[in-house]
Amino acid sequence: MLYNWVNQDIMLSLLEENHAQTLFDLVKENKAYLSNWLSFPSITNNVEDSKSFIQKSLFRFVNKEGFWVGIWYKDTLVGSIGFLYFDWKVKKTEIGYWLGEAYTNKGIMTNACAAMVSYAFEELELNKVEIKTAVKNMKSAAIPKRLGFQHEGTIRADEVIRDSFHDREVYGLLKTEWAK
């Protein structure tokens, strides 16, 4: 996936090094908002950090280990979504995502996530997609629910945000369920 038009307003495309400044500015502008749920904003301190993230994502893309893409809404970078890993033996992946606060409640992430799920099942021929969300992040949890994912459980102390452990909800979707 180099790029994919989700609809007339939303495009997903691989992040490139020339996007580093735009990505950094978006994270910086949304740092307080994103830091409620995610750990990466606290370690994104300059453009070089964003450039390093992009380089690692491109390396992982080339090596079929996972990758992140930018979410472009009306030609503006508004967030990112990606495959955190690929387990080729079990044929599964996990999707992670984030969106700038000003772009929430517009259906952008649900549409972007649906496109990634389709790509996972149809192009990558995977059997399962998982999404993990912070227990109290209801907006994030609404996305897999909307797309027909099943709640599979809660993982206790699964991540560290602001120096404290947080639980995460796990949602899963099988290829046979997506096809229905």
N, C-alpha and C. Protein backbone atom coordinates (compact mmCIF):
# COMPACT_ATOMS: atom_id res chain seq x y z
N MET A 1 0.85 -1.18 0.00
CA MET A 1 0.00 0.00 0.00
C MET A 1 0.89 1.24 0.00
N LEU A 2 1.03 1.87 -1.13
CA LEU A 2 1.74 3.13 -1.18
C LEU A 2 0.77 4.27 -0.89
N TYR A 3 -0.41 4.18 -1.48
CA TYR A 3 -1.49 5.11 -1.14
C TYR A 3 -2.82 4.47 -1.51
N ASN A 4 -3.87 4.94 -0.86
CA ASN A 4 -5.20 4.39 -1.10
C ASN A 4 -6.23 5.46 -0.79
N TRP A 5 -7.04 5.79 -1.78
CA TRP A 5 -8.15 6.71 -1.53
C TRP A 5 -9.27 5.92 -0.86
N VAL A 6 -9.63 6.32 0.34
CA VAL A 6 -10.71 5.67 1.09
C VAL A 6 -12.06 6.17 0.57
N ASN A 7 -12.13 7.47 0.38
CA ASN A 7 -13.29 8.12 -0.23
C ASN A 7 -12.81 9.44 -0.81
N GLN A 8 -13.70 10.31 -1.23
CA GLN A 8 -13.26 11.54 -1.89
C GLN A 8 -12.49 12.48 -0.96
N ASP A 9 -12.63 12.33 0.35
CA ASP A 9 -11.96 13.21 1.30
C ASP A 9 -10.77 12.58 2.02
N ILE A 10 -10.73 11.26 2.09
CA ILE A 10 -9.73 10.58 2.92
C ILE A 10 -8.79 9.75 2.06
N MET A 11 -7.49 9.97 2.27
CA MET A 11 -6.48 9.16 1.59
C MET A 11 -5.49 8.64 2.63
N LEU A 12 -5.08 7.40 2.47
CA LEU A 12 -4.03 6.81 3.29
C LEU A 12 -2.80 6.69 2.42
N SER A 13 -1.64 7.11 2.94
CA SER A 13 -0.41 6.94 2.17
C SER A 13 0.76 6.72 3.11
N LEU A 14 1.73 5.96 2.61
CA LEU A 14 2.94 5.75 3.39
C LEU A 14 3.54 7.10 3.76
N LEU A 15 3.97 7.21 4.99
CA LEU A 15 4.66 8.43 5.41
C LEU A 15 6.07 8.40 4.83
N GLU A 16 6.52 9.54 4.34
CA GLU A 16 7.86 9.68 3.78
C GLU A 16 8.61 10.71 4.60
N GLU A 17 9.93 10.72 4.48
CA GLU A 17 10.75 11.62 5.28
C GLU A 17 10.35 13.08 5.13
N ASN A 18 9.88 13.46 3.94
CA ASN A 18 9.48 14.86 3.74
C ASN A 18 8.19 15.22 4.51
N HIS A 19 7.55 14.24 5.13
CA HIS A 19 6.36 14.49 5.96
C HIS A 19 6.73 14.72 7.43
N ALA A 20 8.01 14.61 7.78
CA ALA A 20 8.43 14.65 9.18
C ALA A 20 7.99 15.94 9.89
N GLN A 21 8.18 17.08 9.26
CA GLN A 21 7.81 18.35 9.90
C GLN A 21 6.30 18.42 10.13
N THR A 22 5.53 18.05 9.13
CA THR A 22 4.06 18.08 9.24
C THR A 22 3.58 17.12 10.33
N LEU A 23 4.18 15.93 10.36
CA LEU A 23 3.82 14.95 11.38
C LEU A 23 4.17 15.47 12.76
N PHE A 24 5.37 16.02 12.91
CA PHE A 24 5.79 16.56 14.21
C PHE A 24 4.85 17.67 14.66
N ASP A 25 4.51 18.58 13.75
CA ASP A 25 3.62 19.69 14.11
C ASP A 25 2.26 19.18 14.58
N LEU A 26 1.74 18.15 13.92
CA LEU A 26 0.45 17.58 14.31
C LEU A 26 0.53 16.94 15.70
N VAL A 27 1.59 16.20 15.96
CA VAL A 27 1.76 15.57 17.28
C VAL A 27 1.93 16.65 18.35
N LYS A 28 2.76 17.65 18.06
CA LYS A 28 3.01 18.73 19.03
C LYS A 28 1.71 19.46 19.37
N GLU A 29 0.92 19.77 18.35
CA GLU A 29 -0.35 20.48 18.53
C GLU A 29 -1.34 19.66 19.36
N ASN A 30 -1.24 18.34 19.30
CA ASN A 30 -2.19 17.45 19.98
C ASN A 30 -1.57 16.68 21.14
N LYS A 31 -0.40 17.11 21.59
CA LYS A 31 0.35 16.35 22.59
C LYS A 31 -0.46 16.09 23.86
N ALA A 32 -1.09 17.10 24.41
CA ALA A 32 -1.87 16.91 25.65
C ALA A 32 -3.02 15.94 25.42
N TYR A 33 -3.72 16.09 24.32
CA TYR A 33 -4.86 15.23 23.99
C TYR A 33 -4.41 13.78 23.80
N LEU A 34 -3.39 13.58 22.97
CA LEU A 34 -2.93 12.22 22.66
C LEU A 34 -2.29 11.54 23.87
N SER A 35 -1.65 12.32 24.73
CA SER A 35 -0.95 11.74 25.88
C SER A 35 -1.89 11.13 26.91
N ASN A 36 -3.18 11.42 26.80
CA ASN A 36 -4.15 10.77 27.69
C ASN A 36 -4.23 9.28 27.42
N TRP A 37 -3.94 8.86 26.18
CA TRP A 37 -4.17 7.48 25.77
C TRP A 37 -2.94 6.77 25.21
N LEU A 38 -1.94 7.52 24.79
CA LEU A 38 -0.81 6.94 24.07
C LEU A 38 0.51 7.39 24.68
N SER A 39 1.54 6.56 24.52
CA SER A 39 2.84 6.89 25.10
C SER A 39 3.75 7.66 24.15
N PHE A 40 3.56 7.54 22.84
CA PHE A 40 4.52 8.12 21.90
C PHE A 40 4.62 9.65 21.94
N PRO A 41 3.56 10.41 22.27
CA PRO A 41 3.73 11.87 22.27
C PRO A 41 4.80 12.35 23.25
N SER A 42 4.97 11.64 24.35
CA SER A 42 5.96 12.07 25.34
C SER A 42 7.39 11.89 24.86
N ILE A 43 7.60 11.06 23.85
CA ILE A 43 8.96 10.86 23.32
C ILE A 43 9.13 11.48 21.93
N THR A 44 8.14 12.25 21.50
CA THR A 44 8.23 12.97 20.23
C THR A 44 8.52 14.43 20.57
N ASN A 45 9.81 14.76 20.60
CA ASN A 45 10.23 16.08 21.07
C ASN A 45 10.74 17.01 19.99
N ASN A 46 11.02 16.48 18.80
CA ASN A 46 11.52 17.31 17.71
C ASN A 46 11.27 16.63 16.37
N VAL A 47 11.56 17.34 15.30
CA VAL A 47 11.32 16.82 13.96
C VAL A 47 12.13 15.55 13.71
N GLU A 48 13.32 15.47 14.29
CA GLU A 48 14.15 14.27 14.11
C GLU A 48 13.47 13.03 14.67
N ASP A 49 12.72 13.19 15.76
CA ASP A 49 11.98 12.05 16.31
C ASP A 49 10.92 11.56 15.32
N SER A 50 10.23 12.49 14.68
CA SER A 50 9.23 12.11 13.68
C SER A 50 9.90 11.49 12.46
N LYS A 51 11.04 12.04 12.06
CA LYS A 51 11.78 11.49 10.92
C LYS A 51 12.24 10.07 11.22
N SER A 52 12.72 9.83 12.43
CA SER A 52 13.16 8.50 12.84
C SER A 52 11.99 7.51 12.82
N PHE A 53 10.83 7.94 13.31
CA PHE A 53 9.63 7.10 13.28
C PHE A 53 9.28 6.71 11.84
N ILE A 54 9.33 7.67 10.94
CA ILE A 54 9.02 7.42 9.53
C ILE A 54 10.03 6.45 8.92
N GLN A 55 11.31 6.65 9.21
CA GLN A 55 12.35 5.75 8.68
C GLN A 55 12.13 4.32 9.17
N LYS A 56 11.82 4.18 10.45
CA LYS A 56 11.58 2.84 11.00
C LYS A 56 10.35 2.20 10.36
N SER A 57 9.31 3.00 10.13
CA SER A 57 8.11 2.48 9.50
C SER A 57 8.39 2.01 8.07
N LEU A 58 9.17 2.79 7.33
CA LEU A 58 9.51 2.40 5.96
C LEU A 58 10.35 1.12 5.94
N PHE A 59 11.28 1.01 6.90
CA PHE A 59 12.10 -0.20 7.03
C PHE A 59 11.20 -1.41 7.29
N ARG A 60 10.25 -1.24 8.21
CA ARG A 60 9.34 -2.34 8.55
C ARG A 60 8.44 -2.69 7.36
N PHE A 61 8.05 -1.69 6.57
CA PHE A 61 7.24 -1.93 5.38
C PHE A 61 8.00 -2.79 4.38
N VAL A 62 9.24 -2.41 4.10
CA VAL A 62 10.07 -3.14 3.14
C VAL A 62 10.30 -4.58 3.60
N ASN A 63 10.44 -4.77 4.91
CA ASN A 63 10.72 -6.09 5.47
C ASN A 63 9.46 -6.87 5.86
N LYS A 64 8.30 -6.33 5.51
CA LYS A 64 7.01 -6.99 5.76
C LYS A 64 6.81 -7.33 7.24
N GLU A 65 7.17 -6.34 8.09
CA GLU A 65 7.04 -6.51 9.54
C GLU A 65 5.91 -5.66 10.11
N GLY A 66 5.27 -4.84 9.28
CA GLY A 66 4.26 -3.89 9.72
C GLY A 66 4.58 -2.54 9.11
N PHE A 67 3.67 -1.58 9.24
CA PHE A 67 3.95 -0.23 8.75
C PHE A 67 2.85 0.73 9.18
N TRP A 68 3.17 2.02 9.12
CA TRP A 68 2.22 3.08 9.42
C TRP A 68 1.99 3.91 8.17
N VAL A 69 0.79 4.42 8.03
CA VAL A 69 0.48 5.34 6.94
C VAL A 69 -0.10 6.62 7.53
N GLY A 70 0.03 7.70 6.78
CA GLY A 70 -0.61 8.94 7.17
C GLY A 70 -2.06 8.93 6.75
N ILE A 71 -2.89 9.57 7.54
CA ILE A 71 -4.30 9.76 7.19
C ILE A 71 -4.43 11.21 6.73
N TRP A 72 -4.78 11.37 5.47
CA TRP A 72 -4.93 12.70 4.87
C TRP A 72 -6.42 12.97 4.68
N TYR A 73 -6.89 14.07 5.26
CA TYR A 73 -8.29 14.47 5.14
C TYR A 73 -8.33 15.81 4.41
N LYS A 74 -8.91 15.82 3.25
CA LYS A 74 -8.95 17.03 2.42
C LYS A 74 -7.55 17.62 2.27
N ASP A 75 -6.60 16.76 1.95
CA ASP A 75 -5.20 17.13 1.69
C ASP A 75 -4.42 17.61 2.91
N THR A 76 -4.92 17.35 4.11
CA THR A 76 -4.23 17.72 5.34
C THR A 76 -3.93 16.46 6.13
N LEU A 77 -2.70 16.34 6.63
CA LEU A 77 -2.35 15.21 7.49
C LEU A 77 -3.07 15.39 8.82
N VAL A 78 -3.91 14.41 9.19
CA VAL A 78 -4.73 14.54 10.40
C VAL A 78 -4.47 13.44 11.43
N GLY A 79 -3.68 12.43 11.05
CA GLY A 79 -3.40 11.34 11.98
C GLY A 79 -2.64 10.24 11.28
N SER A 80 -2.58 9.10 11.95
CA SER A 80 -1.86 7.96 11.39
C SER A 80 -2.52 6.67 11.84
N ILE A 81 -2.36 5.65 11.02
CA ILE A 81 -2.90 4.33 11.31
C ILE A 81 -1.90 3.32 10.78
N GLY A 82 -1.77 2.20 11.48
CA GLY A 82 -0.78 1.25 11.00
C GLY A 82 -0.98 -0.16 11.51
N PHE A 83 -0.25 -1.05 10.87
CA PHE A 83 -0.16 -2.44 11.30
C PHE A 83 1.05 -2.53 12.22
N LEU A 84 0.84 -2.85 13.49
CA LEU A 84 1.93 -2.85 14.47
C LEU A 84 2.90 -3.99 14.23
N TYR A 85 2.41 -5.08 13.70
CA TYR A 85 3.25 -6.24 13.38
C TYR A 85 2.48 -7.12 12.42
N PHE A 86 3.17 -8.08 11.84
CA PHE A 86 2.52 -9.15 11.09
C PHE A 86 3.00 -10.47 11.66
N ASP A 87 2.07 -11.31 12.05
CA ASP A 87 2.40 -12.68 12.45
C ASP A 87 1.99 -13.55 11.27
N TRP A 88 2.96 -13.87 10.42
CA TRP A 88 2.67 -14.58 9.18
C TRP A 88 2.29 -16.04 9.42
N LYS A 89 2.75 -16.61 10.53
CA LYS A 89 2.40 -18.00 10.84
C LYS A 89 0.92 -18.11 11.23
N VAL A 90 0.50 -17.24 12.13
CA VAL A 90 -0.88 -17.25 12.61
C VAL A 90 -1.79 -16.43 11.68
N LYS A 91 -1.17 -15.67 10.80
CA LYS A 91 -1.89 -14.82 9.83
C LYS A 91 -2.75 -13.78 10.54
N LYS A 92 -2.09 -13.00 11.41
CA LYS A 92 -2.83 -11.94 12.10
C LYS A 92 -1.97 -10.70 12.23
N THR A 93 -2.64 -9.61 12.58
CA THR A 93 -1.98 -8.33 12.80
C THR A 93 -2.77 -7.56 13.84
N GLU A 94 -2.18 -6.46 14.28
CA GLU A 94 -2.87 -5.53 15.17
C GLU A 94 -2.81 -4.15 14.53
N ILE A 95 -3.93 -3.45 14.55
CA ILE A 95 -4.00 -2.09 14.03
C ILE A 95 -3.92 -1.12 15.19
N GLY A 96 -3.09 -0.11 15.02
CA GLY A 96 -3.01 1.01 15.96
C GLY A 96 -3.38 2.28 15.21
N TYR A 97 -3.88 3.28 15.92
CA TYR A 97 -4.28 4.51 15.24
C TYR A 97 -4.35 5.68 16.20
N TRP A 98 -4.25 6.87 15.64
CA TRP A 98 -4.46 8.10 16.39
C TRP A 98 -4.88 9.20 15.41
N LEU A 99 -5.56 10.19 15.94
CA LEU A 99 -6.11 11.27 15.12
C LEU A 99 -6.00 12.57 15.90
N GLY A 100 -5.67 13.67 15.22
CA GLY A 100 -5.69 14.97 15.86
C GLY A 100 -7.08 15.27 16.39
N GLU A 101 -7.15 15.92 17.54
CA GLU A 101 -8.44 16.13 18.21
C GLU A 101 -9.46 16.86 17.35
N ALA A 102 -9.03 17.83 16.56
CA ALA A 102 -9.95 18.61 15.73
C ALA A 102 -10.61 17.77 14.64
N TYR A 103 -10.09 16.58 14.40
CA TYR A 103 -10.60 15.75 13.31
C TYR A 103 -11.40 14.54 13.80
N THR A 104 -11.67 14.49 15.10
CA THR A 104 -12.47 13.39 15.63
C THR A 104 -13.95 13.65 15.34
N ASN A 105 -14.75 12.61 15.47
CA ASN A 105 -16.21 12.69 15.28
C ASN A 105 -16.62 13.07 13.86
N LYS A 106 -15.79 12.72 12.88
CA LYS A 106 -16.11 12.99 11.48
C LYS A 106 -16.16 11.69 10.66
N GLY A 107 -15.96 10.56 11.33
CA GLY A 107 -15.96 9.28 10.62
C GLY A 107 -14.64 8.97 9.94
N ILE A 108 -13.66 9.82 10.11
CA ILE A 108 -12.37 9.64 9.44
C ILE A 108 -11.71 8.34 9.87
N MET A 109 -11.61 8.13 11.18
CA MET A 109 -10.89 6.95 11.65
C MET A 109 -11.65 5.66 11.36
N THR A 110 -12.95 5.68 11.47
CA THR A 110 -13.72 4.48 11.15
C THR A 110 -13.50 4.09 9.69
N ASN A 111 -13.54 5.07 8.79
CA ASN A 111 -13.30 4.79 7.38
C ASN A 111 -11.87 4.33 7.11
N ALA A 112 -10.91 4.98 7.76
CA ALA A 112 -9.51 4.58 7.58
C ALA A 112 -9.29 3.17 8.10
N CYS A 113 -9.87 2.87 9.24
CA CYS A 113 -9.72 1.54 9.85
C CYS A 113 -10.37 0.48 8.96
N ALA A 114 -11.53 0.77 8.42
CA ALA A 114 -12.20 -0.19 7.52
C ALA A 114 -11.32 -0.48 6.30
N ALA A 115 -10.66 0.55 5.78
CA ALA A 115 -9.77 0.36 4.62
C ALA A 115 -8.59 -0.53 4.99
N MET A 116 -8.05 -0.33 6.18
CA MET A 116 -6.91 -1.15 6.63
C MET A 116 -7.33 -2.60 6.86
N VAL A 117 -8.52 -2.79 7.42
CA VAL A 117 -9.03 -4.15 7.63
C VAL A 117 -9.21 -4.85 6.29
N SER A 118 -9.80 -4.16 5.33
CA SER A 118 -9.96 -4.74 3.99
C SER A 118 -8.61 -5.11 3.39
N TYR A 119 -7.64 -4.23 3.53
CA TYR A 119 -6.30 -4.48 3.01
C TYR A 119 -5.69 -5.72 3.68
N ALA A 120 -5.87 -5.83 4.99
CA ALA A 120 -5.32 -6.98 5.74
C ALA A 120 -5.91 -8.29 5.24
N PHE A 121 -7.21 -8.32 5.04
CA PHE A 121 -7.87 -9.56 4.63
C PHE A 121 -7.74 -9.85 3.13
N GLU A 122 -7.88 -8.83 2.32
CA GLU A 122 -7.92 -9.04 0.87
C GLU A 122 -6.55 -9.05 0.22
N GLU A 123 -5.67 -8.14 0.60
CA GLU A 123 -4.35 -8.04 -0.04
C GLU A 123 -3.30 -8.88 0.68
N LEU A 124 -3.31 -8.81 2.00
CA LEU A 124 -2.30 -9.54 2.78
C LEU A 124 -2.73 -10.97 3.10
N GLU A 125 -3.99 -11.28 2.87
CA GLU A 125 -4.56 -12.60 3.11
C GLU A 125 -4.38 -13.07 4.56
N LEU A 126 -4.56 -12.13 5.48
CA LEU A 126 -4.50 -12.48 6.90
C LEU A 126 -5.85 -13.05 7.33
N ASN A 127 -5.84 -13.71 8.48
CA ASN A 127 -7.06 -14.33 9.00
C ASN A 127 -7.68 -13.55 10.16
N LYS A 128 -6.86 -12.73 10.86
CA LYS A 128 -7.38 -12.03 12.03
C LYS A 128 -6.74 -10.66 12.16
N VAL A 129 -7.56 -9.70 12.57
CA VAL A 129 -7.10 -8.36 12.88
C VAL A 129 -7.52 -8.06 14.31
N GLU A 130 -6.59 -7.54 15.09
CA GLU A 130 -6.89 -7.12 16.47
C GLU A 130 -6.71 -5.62 16.60
N ILE A 131 -7.47 -5.05 17.52
CA ILE A 131 -7.32 -3.65 17.91
C ILE A 131 -7.36 -3.63 19.43
N LYS A 132 -6.39 -2.94 20.04
CA LYS A 132 -6.37 -2.77 21.49
C LYS A 132 -6.59 -1.29 21.80
N THR A 133 -7.47 -1.02 22.75
CA THR A 133 -7.76 0.35 23.14
C THR A 133 -7.63 0.51 24.65
N ALA A 134 -7.28 1.72 25.07
CA ALA A 134 -7.24 2.01 26.50
C ALA A 134 -8.64 1.79 27.07
N VAL A 135 -8.72 1.22 28.25
CA VAL A 135 -10.00 0.85 28.86
C VAL A 135 -10.99 2.01 28.89
N LYS A 136 -10.53 3.20 29.21
CA LYS A 136 -11.44 4.33 29.35
C LYS A 136 -11.60 5.16 28.08
N ASN A 137 -10.96 4.76 26.99
CA ASN A 137 -11.04 5.53 25.75
C ASN A 137 -12.24 5.05 24.93
N MET A 138 -13.40 5.56 25.28
CA MET A 138 -14.65 5.12 24.66
C MET A 138 -14.72 5.44 23.17
N LYS A 139 -14.18 6.60 22.77
CA LYS A 139 -14.20 6.96 21.34
C LYS A 139 -13.39 5.96 20.52
N SER A 140 -12.25 5.58 21.03
CA SER A 140 -11.41 4.62 20.31
C SER A 140 -12.07 3.25 20.28
N ALA A 141 -12.67 2.84 21.38
CA ALA A 141 -13.32 1.52 21.45
C ALA A 141 -14.55 1.45 20.54
N ALA A 142 -15.16 2.59 20.26
CA ALA A 142 -16.35 2.59 19.39
C ALA A 142 -16.00 2.18 17.96
N ILE A 143 -14.76 2.40 17.55
CA ILE A 143 -14.37 2.10 16.16
C ILE A 143 -14.42 0.60 15.88
N PRO A 144 -13.71 -0.24 16.64
CA PRO A 144 -13.82 -1.68 16.34
C PRO A 144 -15.24 -2.21 16.52
N LYS A 145 -15.97 -1.68 17.48
CA LYS A 145 -17.35 -2.12 17.68
C LYS A 145 -18.19 -1.81 16.44
N ARG A 146 -18.01 -0.60 15.90
CA ARG A 146 -18.74 -0.18 14.70
C ARG A 146 -18.43 -1.07 13.51
N LEU A 147 -17.20 -1.59 13.47
CA LEU A 147 -16.76 -2.40 12.33
C LEU A 147 -17.02 -3.89 12.53
N GLY A 148 -17.70 -4.25 13.62
CA GLY A 148 -18.07 -5.65 13.82
C GLY A 148 -17.06 -6.50 14.56
N PHE A 149 -16.04 -5.88 15.15
CA PHE A 149 -15.07 -6.62 15.96
C PHE A 149 -15.76 -7.15 17.21
N GLN A 150 -15.25 -8.26 17.72
CA GLN A 150 -15.76 -8.85 18.96
C GLN A 150 -14.84 -8.46 20.12
N HIS A 151 -15.42 -8.13 21.26
CA HIS A 151 -14.61 -7.86 22.44
C HIS A 151 -14.08 -9.19 22.95
N GLU A 152 -12.76 -9.31 23.04
CA GLU A 152 -12.15 -10.59 23.43
C GLU A 152 -11.62 -10.59 24.85
N GLY A 153 -11.58 -9.42 25.49
CA GLY A 153 -11.13 -9.39 26.87
C GLY A 153 -10.37 -8.14 27.21
N THR A 154 -9.91 -8.11 28.46
CA THR A 154 -9.13 -6.99 28.97
C THR A 154 -7.76 -7.51 29.38
N ILE A 155 -6.74 -6.83 28.93
CA ILE A 155 -5.37 -7.18 29.33
C ILE A 155 -4.95 -6.18 30.40
N ARG A 156 -4.64 -6.70 31.57
CA ARG A 156 -4.29 -5.84 32.69
C ARG A 156 -2.85 -5.35 32.57
N ALA A 157 -2.63 -4.10 32.96
CA ALA A 157 -1.29 -3.50 32.99
C ALA A 157 -0.53 -3.76 31.69
N ASP A 158 -1.18 -3.47 30.57
CA ASP A 158 -0.62 -3.80 29.26
C ASP A 158 0.26 -2.71 28.66
N GLU A 159 0.18 -1.51 29.20
CA GLU A 159 1.05 -0.45 28.69
C GLU A 159 1.30 0.58 29.78
N VAL A 160 2.34 1.37 29.57
CA VAL A 160 2.70 2.42 30.53
C VAL A 160 2.49 3.77 29.85
N ILE A 161 1.68 4.60 30.48
CA ILE A 161 1.44 5.97 30.01
C ILE A 161 1.62 6.88 31.21
N ARG A 162 2.46 7.89 31.04
CA ARG A 162 2.74 8.84 32.13
C ARG A 162 3.17 8.11 33.40
N ASP A 163 4.05 7.17 33.23
CA ASP A 163 4.66 6.43 34.35
C ASP A 163 3.69 5.58 35.16
N SER A 164 2.54 5.26 34.61
CA SER A 164 1.64 4.34 35.33
C SER A 164 1.09 3.30 34.36
N PHE A 165 0.78 2.13 34.91
CA PHE A 165 0.27 1.03 34.11
C PHE A 165 -1.21 1.25 33.78
N HIS A 166 -1.57 0.84 32.56
CA HIS A 166 -2.95 0.97 32.11
C HIS A 166 -3.41 -0.34 31.47
N ASP A 167 -4.69 -0.65 31.69
CA ASP A 167 -5.30 -1.83 31.08
C ASP A 167 -5.77 -1.48 29.67
N ARG A 168 -5.85 -2.52 28.85
CA ARG A 168 -6.36 -2.31 27.49
C ARG A 168 -7.40 -3.37 27.14
N GLU A 169 -8.39 -2.93 26.37
CA GLU A 169 -9.41 -3.83 25.84
C GLU A 169 -8.91 -4.39 24.52
N VAL A 170 -9.20 -5.67 24.27
CA VAL A 170 -8.80 -6.31 23.01
C VAL A 170 -10.05 -6.63 22.21
N TYR A 171 -10.03 -6.22 20.95
CA TYR A 171 -11.11 -6.51 20.01
C TYR A 171 -10.51 -7.30 18.85
N GLY A 172 -11.22 -8.31 18.38
CA GLY A 172 -10.73 -9.12 17.28
C GLY A 172 -11.78 -9.32 16.21
N LEU A 173 -11.30 -9.47 14.98
CA LEU A 173 -12.18 -9.72 13.85
C LEU A 173 -11.52 -10.76 12.95
N LEU A 174 -12.28 -11.81 12.63
CA LEU A 174 -11.79 -12.84 11.73
C LEU A 174 -12.21 -12.52 10.30
N LYS A 175 -11.44 -13.02 9.36
CA LYS A 175 -11.74 -12.79 7.94
C LYS A 175 -13.15 -13.25 7.59
N THR A 176 -13.58 -14.38 8.14
CA THR A 176 -14.93 -14.89 7.85
C THR A 176 -16.01 -13.96 8.38
N GLU A 177 -15.73 -13.25 9.46
CA GLU A 177 -16.70 -12.31 10.02
C GLU A 177 -16.77 -11.03 9.18
N TRP A 178 -15.65 -10.63 8.61
CA TRP A 178 -15.60 -9.42 7.78
C TRP A 178 -16.37 -9.64 6.48
N ALA A 179 -16.32 -10.84 5.97
CA ALA A 179 -16.95 -11.16 4.69
C ALA A 179 -18.47 -11.17 4.76
N LYS A 180 -19.01 -11.25 5.98
CA LYS A 180 -20.48 -11.36 6.13
C LYS A 180 -21.18 -10.07 5.76
